[in-house]
Protein backbone atom coordinates (compact mmCIF):
# COMPACT_ATOMS: atom_id res chain seq x y z
CA MET A 1 42.93 -39.36 -147.75
CA LEU A 2 46.88 -38.92 -147.58
CA HIS A 3 46.15 -37.40 -144.19
CA ARG A 4 45.35 -41.03 -143.30
CA LEU A 5 47.81 -42.22 -144.85
CA ARG A 6 50.46 -40.22 -142.64
CA LEU A 7 48.76 -40.41 -139.76
CA ALA A 8 48.69 -44.45 -140.16
CA LEU A 9 52.45 -44.03 -140.64
CA LYS A 10 53.15 -42.26 -137.82
CA THR A 11 51.40 -44.45 -135.20
CA GLY A 12 52.47 -47.53 -136.68
CA THR A 13 55.69 -49.68 -134.50
CA MET A 14 58.23 -48.41 -137.29
CA GLY A 15 60.90 -50.21 -134.52
CA THR A 16 59.33 -48.02 -131.12
CA LYS A 17 57.96 -50.07 -128.45
CA LEU A 18 55.42 -49.51 -125.71
CA GLY A 19 56.43 -48.59 -122.27
CA GLY A 20 59.68 -47.40 -120.42
CA ALA A 21 61.23 -47.77 -116.82
CA GLU A 22 59.78 -44.28 -116.43
CA SER A 23 56.55 -45.02 -117.83
CA GLY A 24 53.10 -45.96 -115.99
CA GLY A 25 53.49 -49.51 -117.13
CA VAL A 26 52.14 -51.86 -120.12
CA GLU A 27 48.44 -54.21 -119.52
CA VAL A 28 48.65 -57.38 -121.52
CA ASP A 29 46.13 -59.65 -122.20
CA GLU A 30 44.96 -62.16 -124.52
CA THR A 31 41.31 -62.93 -125.51
CA PHE A 32 39.28 -65.65 -127.98
CA ILE A 33 37.22 -63.59 -130.51
CA GLY A 34 34.51 -65.51 -132.38
CA GLY A 35 31.13 -67.06 -132.35
CA LYS A 36 29.73 -69.62 -130.29
CA LEU A 37 29.60 -73.69 -131.87
CA LYS A 38 25.94 -73.71 -130.92
CA ASN A 39 25.46 -70.50 -132.79
CA MET A 40 27.57 -71.52 -136.28
CA HIS A 41 25.52 -73.24 -139.15
CA ARG A 42 26.40 -76.90 -139.08
CA ASP A 43 28.72 -77.05 -142.44
CA ARG A 44 30.88 -74.47 -140.20
CA ARG A 45 30.89 -76.39 -136.84
CA GLU A 46 31.69 -79.52 -139.00
CA ARG A 47 34.67 -78.17 -140.89
CA PHE A 48 36.31 -76.30 -137.48
CA ALA A 49 35.92 -79.60 -135.84
CA ALA A 50 37.57 -81.72 -138.61
CA GLU A 51 39.94 -79.12 -138.35
CA SER A 52 41.10 -79.06 -135.11
CA GLY A 53 40.04 -82.60 -133.64
CA HIS A 54 37.63 -81.65 -131.12
CA THR A 55 35.05 -78.99 -130.25
CA GLY A 56 36.40 -77.32 -127.46
CA GLY A 57 35.75 -73.63 -126.27
CA SER A 58 38.36 -72.29 -128.51
CA THR A 59 37.11 -73.96 -131.78
CA GLY A 60 36.70 -71.61 -134.46
CA LYS A 61 37.53 -68.33 -133.09
CA ALA A 62 40.95 -66.05 -133.46
CA ILE A 63 43.71 -65.81 -130.63
CA VAL A 64 44.22 -62.16 -130.03
CA ILE A 65 46.74 -60.49 -127.52
CA GLY A 66 46.43 -56.80 -126.47
CA MET A 67 48.92 -54.09 -125.16
CA LEU A 68 48.04 -50.78 -123.79
CA ASP A 69 50.49 -48.41 -122.58
CA ARG A 70 48.79 -46.77 -119.70
CA ASP A 71 50.97 -43.18 -119.93
CA GLU A 72 50.69 -43.08 -123.81
CA ARG A 73 47.20 -44.54 -124.03
CA LYS A 74 48.71 -46.56 -127.50
CA VAL A 75 47.26 -50.03 -128.14
CA ARG A 76 48.54 -52.55 -129.80
CA ALA A 77 46.86 -55.79 -131.04
CA SER A 78 48.02 -58.84 -133.27
CA VAL A 79 46.30 -62.27 -134.04
CA VAL A 80 48.77 -64.92 -132.96
CA PRO A 81 48.31 -68.78 -133.20
CA ASN A 82 48.03 -70.17 -130.31
CA VAL A 83 48.34 -69.18 -126.32
CA LYS A 84 51.75 -71.04 -125.73
CA ARG A 85 54.44 -69.22 -123.19
CA GLU A 86 56.92 -69.12 -126.52
CA THR A 87 54.13 -67.34 -128.44
CA LEU A 88 52.89 -65.04 -126.11
CA GLN A 89 56.40 -63.98 -124.27
CA ASN A 90 57.28 -62.92 -127.56
CA GLU A 91 54.50 -60.72 -128.86
CA VAL A 92 55.36 -59.27 -125.36
CA LEU A 93 59.55 -59.12 -125.90
CA ASN A 94 58.84 -57.43 -129.43
CA ASN A 95 56.25 -54.93 -128.54
CA VAL A 96 57.55 -53.65 -124.88
CA LYS A 97 60.87 -51.59 -123.70
CA TYR A 98 62.97 -53.30 -121.67
CA GLY A 99 62.49 -52.55 -117.59
CA SER A 100 58.97 -51.62 -118.58
CA PRO A 101 56.23 -52.24 -115.81
CA VAL A 102 54.30 -55.02 -117.33
CA PHE A 103 50.63 -55.62 -115.62
CA THR A 104 49.24 -59.15 -116.62
CA ASP A 105 46.91 -61.81 -115.31
CA ASP A 106 48.03 -65.00 -113.23
CA ALA A 107 47.85 -67.07 -116.59
CA VAL A 108 50.81 -69.48 -117.34
CA PRO A 109 52.62 -68.05 -120.65
CA TYR A 110 53.31 -64.67 -118.42
CA ASP A 111 55.20 -66.30 -115.54
CA LYS A 112 58.99 -65.42 -117.35
CA LEU A 113 58.11 -61.99 -117.71
CA LYS A 114 59.49 -61.10 -114.55
CA TRP A 115 63.64 -61.66 -115.96
CA ARG A 116 62.97 -58.76 -118.14
CA TYR A 117 60.34 -56.43 -116.88
CA VAL A 118 58.49 -55.37 -113.39
CA HIS A 119 55.56 -57.39 -113.90
CA ASP A 120 52.83 -57.55 -111.58
CA VAL A 121 50.04 -59.94 -111.28
CA VAL A 122 46.73 -60.01 -110.94
CA ASN A 123 44.15 -62.40 -109.77
CA HIS A 124 40.64 -61.82 -111.05
CA ALA A 125 38.82 -64.34 -109.12
CA GLU A 126 40.68 -63.02 -105.94
CA ASN A 127 39.41 -59.42 -107.16
CA LEU A 128 36.11 -59.80 -107.81
CA ARG A 129 35.32 -60.58 -104.60
CA GLN A 130 37.00 -57.72 -103.27
CA GLY A 131 34.60 -54.98 -104.36
CA PRO A 132 33.54 -52.42 -106.28
CA ARG A 133 36.60 -51.94 -108.97
CA PRO A 134 37.54 -55.39 -109.46
CA HIS A 135 39.76 -54.90 -112.74
CA GLU A 136 42.15 -53.04 -110.99
CA TRP A 137 45.90 -54.28 -110.98
CA VAL A 138 46.76 -54.91 -108.05
CA GLY A 139 49.59 -57.76 -106.95
CA GLU A 140 52.55 -58.63 -105.85
CA THR A 141 55.68 -56.97 -107.36
CA SER A 142 57.92 -60.11 -108.99
CA GLY A 143 61.02 -57.33 -109.94
CA VAL A 144 63.87 -57.17 -112.58
CA CYS A 145 66.49 -59.25 -112.89
């Protein structure tokens, strides 16, 4: 049992950040985890609707942001309260080294990352039409300031 505790402590964040200027980059994306409202029990569905004030697609779901270091093959994921720019960019700032290549989709919360990172953007709608490997990270480089 202690070997698992040692491994957990060794692979914990412990002040280390993902990426680096010479690294292969860090991929960042967010997702909504949870079931559909129409599949929930009526009481639970009504409770979520009352809490959030609407019954949209994200009602009753947890928002998770994930970061993958391409070189070290390490993943960090954390639950965030919302998908606002401040929230998502703070997660990136706290977990990725300054100057690292960062790959995201073209969502608005990631548009200001170019000031601290080499920020590459992928447009999923464009890549789905391109061919056999739609999830390759290709896009324009914004640069580092």
